[in-house]
Protein backbone atom coordinates (compact mmCIF):
# COMPACT_ATOMS: atom_id res chain seq x y z
CA UNK A 1 0.00 0.00 0.00
CA UNK A 2 2.86 2.35 0.89
CA UNK A 3 4.60 1.67 -2.42
CA UNK A 4 1.36 2.32 -4.28
CA UNK A 5 0.99 5.65 -2.48
CA UNK A 6 4.56 6.61 -3.38
CA UNK A 7 4.00 5.76 -7.05
CA UNK A 8 0.76 7.79 -7.09
CA UNK A 9 2.51 10.78 -5.53
CA UNK A 10 5.46 10.50 -7.87
CA UNK A 11 3.21 10.45 -10.94
CA UNK A 12 1.30 13.54 -9.83
CA UNK A 13 -1.53 11.88 -7.87
CA UNK A 14 -2.81 12.67 -4.39
CA UNK A 15 -4.12 15.93 -2.97
CA UNK A 16 -1.30 18.02 -4.45
CA UNK A 17 -2.33 16.89 -7.93
CA UNK A 18 -5.93 17.79 -7.23
CA UNK A 19 -4.83 21.25 -6.12
CA UNK A 20 -2.85 21.67 -9.32
CA UNK A 21 -5.91 20.66 -11.34
CA UNK A 22 -7.92 23.40 -9.68
CA UNK A 23 -5.18 26.01 -10.11
CA UNK A 24 -5.77 28.81 -12.61
CA UNK A 25 -2.62 30.26 -14.11
CA UNK A 26 -2.09 34.06 -14.36
CA UNK A 27 -2.53 33.85 -18.14
CA UNK A 28 -5.93 32.20 -17.74
CA UNK A 29 -6.92 34.70 -15.06
CA UNK A 30 -6.07 37.55 -17.42
CA UNK A 31 -8.08 35.83 -20.16
CA UNK A 32 -11.11 35.54 -17.87
CA UNK A 33 -10.88 39.26 -17.07
CA UNK A 34 -11.00 40.03 -20.81
CA UNK A 35 -13.95 37.65 -21.22
CA UNK A 36 -16.01 39.19 -18.42
CA UNK A 37 -15.19 42.77 -19.44
CA UNK A 38 -16.30 41.96 -22.98
CA UNK A 39 -19.42 40.27 -21.61
CA UNK A 40 -20.22 43.41 -19.58
CA UNK A 41 -19.87 45.53 -22.72
CA UNK A 42 -22.16 43.17 -24.64
CA UNK A 43 -24.79 43.38 -21.88
CA UNK A 44 -24.57 47.18 -21.96
CA UNK A 45 -25.12 47.21 -25.75
CA UNK A 46 -27.99 44.77 -25.28
CA UNK A 47 -29.60 47.14 -22.78
CA UNK A 48 -29.14 49.95 -25.33
CA UNK A 49 -30.86 47.83 -27.97
CA UNK A 50 -33.79 47.19 -25.63
CA UNK A 51 -34.05 50.93 -24.95
CA UNK A 52 -34.05 51.68 -28.68
CA UNK A 53 -36.97 49.31 -29.15
CA UNK A 54 -38.92 50.88 -26.30
CA UNK A 55 -38.23 54.37 -27.68
CA UNK A 56 -38.48 53.69 -31.42
CA UNK A 57 -40.17 50.26 -31.72
CA UNK A 58 -37.36 48.77 -33.83
CA UNK A 59 -37.30 45.21 -32.43
CA UNK A 60 -38.78 42.30 -34.32
CA UNK A 61 -38.03 39.63 -36.89
CA UNK A 62 -35.46 41.73 -38.74
CA UNK A 63 -33.39 42.39 -35.62
CA UNK A 64 -33.48 38.67 -34.75
CA UNK A 65 -32.27 37.72 -38.23
CA UNK A 66 -29.65 40.46 -38.06
CA UNK A 67 -28.42 39.17 -34.71
CA UNK A 68 -28.04 35.63 -36.06
CA UNK A 69 -26.25 36.95 -39.16
CA UNK A 70 -23.82 38.98 -37.02
CA UNK A 71 -23.05 35.94 -34.86
CA UNK A 72 -22.51 33.73 -37.91
CA UNK A 73 -20.20 36.31 -39.47
CA UNK A 74 -18.28 36.67 -36.20
CA UNK A 75 -17.74 32.91 -35.91
CA UNK A 76 -16.59 32.71 -39.54
CA UNK A 77 -13.81 35.26 -39.02
CA UNK A 78 -10.44 33.94 -37.77
CA UNK A 79 -9.44 34.79 -34.20
CA UNK A 80 -6.47 36.99 -35.08
CA UNK A 81 -5.27 40.44 -34.03
CA UNK A 82 -6.00 41.70 -37.54
CA UNK A 83 -9.69 40.77 -37.17
CA UNK A 84 -10.01 41.58 -33.46
CA UNK A 85 -11.72 44.96 -33.91
CA UNK A 86 -14.08 43.60 -36.55
CA UNK A 87 -15.04 40.64 -34.38
CA UNK A 88 -15.54 42.87 -31.34
CA UNK A 89 -17.75 45.21 -33.38
CA UNK A 90 -19.76 42.24 -34.63
CA UNK A 91 -20.26 40.99 -31.06
CA UNK A 92 -21.49 44.40 -29.92
CA UNK A 93 -23.77 44.60 -32.98
CA UNK A 94 -25.19 41.17 -32.21
CA UNK A 95 -25.76 42.21 -28.59
CA UNK A 96 -27.48 45.43 -29.70
CA UNK A 97 -29.78 43.53 -32.06
CA UNK A 98 -30.44 40.87 -29.43
CA UNK A 99 -31.50 43.56 -26.98
CA UNK A 100 -33.84 45.04 -29.59
CA UNK A 101 -35.28 41.56 -30.25
CA UNK A 102 -35.99 41.05 -26.55
CA UNK A 103 -37.37 44.60 -26.40
CA UNK A 104 -41.05 43.65 -26.93
CA UNK A 105 -40.91 41.34 -23.89
CA UNK A 106 -39.24 44.04 -21.79
CA UNK A 107 -41.81 46.59 -22.95
CA UNK A 108 -44.60 44.28 -21.83
CA UNK A 109 -42.92 43.76 -18.46
CA UNK A 110 -42.42 47.50 -17.95
CA UNK A 111 -46.10 48.18 -18.62
CA UNK A 112 -47.06 45.58 -16.01
CA UNK A 113 -44.51 46.14 -13.24
CA UNK A 114 -40.99 47.58 -13.34
CA UNK A 115 -40.04 45.53 -10.28
CA UNK A 116 -40.28 42.32 -12.34
CA UNK A 117 -37.53 43.52 -14.66
CA UNK A 118 -35.27 44.62 -11.81
CA UNK A 119 -35.83 41.41 -9.85
CA UNK A 120 -35.28 39.21 -12.91
CA UNK A 121 -32.05 40.96 -13.91
CA UNK A 122 -30.62 40.99 -10.39
CA UNK A 123 -31.59 37.36 -9.88
CA UNK A 124 -30.02 36.32 -13.18
CA UNK A 125 -26.85 38.27 -12.41
CA UNK A 126 -26.56 36.65 -8.98
CA UNK A 127 -27.17 33.18 -10.40
CA UNK A 128 -24.63 33.82 -13.17
CA UNK A 129 -22.06 35.01 -10.66
CA UNK A 130 -22.60 32.05 -8.32
CA UNK A 131 -22.54 29.39 -11.03
CA UNK A 132 -19.52 30.96 -12.74
CA UNK A 133 -17.67 31.17 -9.43
CA UNK A 134 -18.47 27.53 -8.72
CA UNK A 135 -17.01 26.55 -12.09
CA UNK A 136 -13.91 28.73 -11.60
CA UNK A 137 -12.97 27.47 -8.12
CA UNK A 138 -13.76 23.83 -8.92
CA UNK A 139 -11.11 21.37 -10.01
CA UNK A 140 -10.32 21.36 -13.71
CA UNK A 141 -12.66 19.25 -15.84
CA UNK A 142 -14.94 18.56 -12.85
CA UNK A 143 -18.09 19.77 -14.63
CA UNK A 144 -17.13 18.97 -18.22
CA UNK A 145 -19.07 15.70 -17.97
CA UNK A 146 -22.21 17.84 -18.04
CA UNK A 147 -21.66 18.51 -21.75
CA UNK A 148 -23.29 15.31 -22.95
CA UNK A 149 -26.18 15.60 -20.51
CA UNK A 150 -26.84 19.23 -21.43
CA UNK A 151 -26.71 18.48 -25.16
CA UNK A 152 -29.32 15.75 -24.67
CA UNK A 153 -31.40 18.07 -22.50
CA UNK A 154 -31.20 20.78 -25.17
CA UNK A 155 -32.54 18.40 -27.81
CA UNK A 156 -35.37 17.46 -25.41
CA UNK A 157 -36.03 21.17 -24.92
CA UNK A 158 -36.47 21.66 -28.66
CA UNK A 159 -39.06 18.88 -28.73
CA UNK A 160 -40.79 20.42 -25.69
CA UNK A 161 -41.02 23.75 -27.51
CA UNK A 162 -42.62 21.97 -30.44
CA UNK A 163 -45.05 20.19 -28.10
CA UNK A 164 -45.85 23.46 -26.31
CA UNK A 165 -46.82 25.08 -29.62
CA UNK A 166 -49.32 22.24 -30.19
CA UNK A 167 -50.62 21.22 -26.77
CA UNK A 168 -50.47 24.59 -25.07
CA UNK A 169 -50.27 25.78 -21.47
CA UNK A 170 -48.97 22.83 -19.48
CA UNK A 171 -46.18 21.90 -21.87
CA UNK A 172 -45.23 25.58 -22.15
CA UNK A 173 -44.87 25.91 -18.37
CA UNK A 174 -42.77 22.76 -18.12
CA UNK A 175 -40.63 23.88 -21.07
CA UNK A 176 -39.94 27.21 -19.34
CA UNK A 177 -38.68 25.67 -16.10
CA UNK A 178 -36.83 22.86 -17.85
CA UNK A 179 -35.14 25.35 -20.18
CA UNK A 180 -34.15 27.48 -17.20
CA UNK A 181 -32.42 24.50 -15.57
CA UNK A 182 -30.69 23.59 -18.84
CA UNK A 183 -29.19 27.04 -19.36
CA UNK A 184 -28.19 27.35 -15.71
CA UNK A 185 -26.28 24.13 -16.28
CA UNK A 186 -24.71 25.63 -19.38
CA UNK A 187 -23.44 28.55 -17.29
CA UNK A 188 -21.34 26.13 -15.25
CA UNK A 189 -20.29 23.95 -18.18
CA UNK A 190 -19.39 26.80 -20.54
CA UNK A 191 -17.38 28.62 -17.87
CA UNK A 192 -15.30 25.56 -17.12
CA UNK A 193 -14.90 24.75 -20.81
CA UNK A 194 -13.62 28.28 -21.40
CA UNK A 195 -11.08 27.81 -18.61
CA UNK A 196 -10.01 24.45 -20.02
CA UNK A 197 -9.66 25.86 -23.55
CA UNK A 198 -7.60 28.76 -22.18
CA UNK A 199 -5.28 26.28 -20.46
CA UNK A 200 -4.73 24.72 -23.89
CA UNK A 201 -3.95 28.08 -25.53
CA UNK A 202 -7.38 29.12 -26.85
CA UNK A 203 -7.51 32.79 -25.81
CA UNK A 204 -10.41 33.85 -28.06
CA UNK A 205 -12.07 36.07 -25.45
CA UNK A 206 -14.61 37.45 -27.94
CA UNK A 207 -16.03 34.04 -28.81
CA UNK A 208 -16.00 32.99 -25.16
CA UNK A 209 -17.82 36.19 -24.16
CA UNK A 210 -20.41 35.44 -26.87
CA UNK A 211 -20.99 32.00 -25.33
CA UNK A 212 -21.58 33.43 -21.85
CA UNK A 213 -23.72 36.25 -23.26
CA UNK A 214 -25.99 33.69 -24.93
CA UNK A 215 -26.34 31.80 -21.64
CA UNK A 216 -27.11 34.99 -19.71
CA UNK A 217 -29.79 36.17 -22.13
CA UNK A 218 -31.38 32.70 -22.31
CA UNK A 219 -31.72 32.57 -18.52
CA UNK A 220 -32.89 36.19 -18.23
CA UNK A 221 -35.62 35.74 -20.85
CA UNK A 222 -36.96 32.61 -19.14
CA UNK A 223 -36.93 34.25 -15.71
CA UNK A 224 -38.79 37.24 -17.15
CA UNK A 225 -41.41 35.06 -18.82
CA UNK A 226 -41.93 32.99 -15.66
CA UNK A 227 -42.30 36.08 -13.46
CA UNK A 228 -44.54 37.80 -16.00
CA UNK A 229 -46.73 34.71 -16.26
CA UNK A 230 -47.01 34.43 -12.49
CA UNK A 231 -47.83 38.14 -12.16
CA UNK A 232 -50.56 37.92 -14.80
CA UNK A 233 -52.10 34.86 -13.13
CA UNK A 234 -52.03 36.61 -9.78
CA UNK A 235 -53.66 39.70 -11.31
CA UNK A 236 -56.43 37.56 -12.81
CA UNK A 237 -57.04 35.84 -9.48
CA UNK A 238 -57.27 39.20 -7.73
CA UNK A 239 -59.84 40.40 -10.28
CA UNK A 240 -61.92 37.27 -9.74
CA UNK A 241 -61.86 37.78 -5.98
CA UNK A 242 -62.97 41.38 -6.36
CA UNK A 243 -65.90 40.29 -8.54
CA UNK A 244 -66.97 37.75 -5.93
CA UNK A 245 -67.03 40.33 -3.17
């Protein structure tokens, strides 16, 4: 047993090896700073896009198509210093158009209750921070096994969306909560995958910020819809009670 322990220690096993697996090098830390600063900029542009819709009513199908086109163009460009400004501009454009596309939902929420928007954004930000921190301080590769499960769950989610469009209310409610869990899982998985890719030399902070931005918006939209749905149901119940009395 002692000889086995010595061999394990000599080959990098034991608690010291686990600590090394969880260690984040200065280069990766610097990369994560760039990722989160870029993500913050994208969220700011997204908020601007939502404001433009509320002020000018510009959000709709065209902005959604434009957002997808900007993302596709961004991904097609090589991650080089020569294309860095172009790719950054494309990310901010995609975020702006995404904000405009979500604008109709935000406009509806604002007309009902401003507190829903504030609560949903703060809640999403806290959840994002907690799940990202959990992925960052965890041992390397600890949550990468979630990739297969989340991919399967995402395919199930697509079928649930199709079922919700046919069968209505109950499938729609389940799809909302299930989708929320899926994208919360993606927050953890994508953060740790970004760290792992950075350890292997992939320092494409723009693409990594795009990944986290997509996760953030997906969670925020679902939280908004859930809270809006609950608020509308509560308002209807209150009206029924008033009619009774």
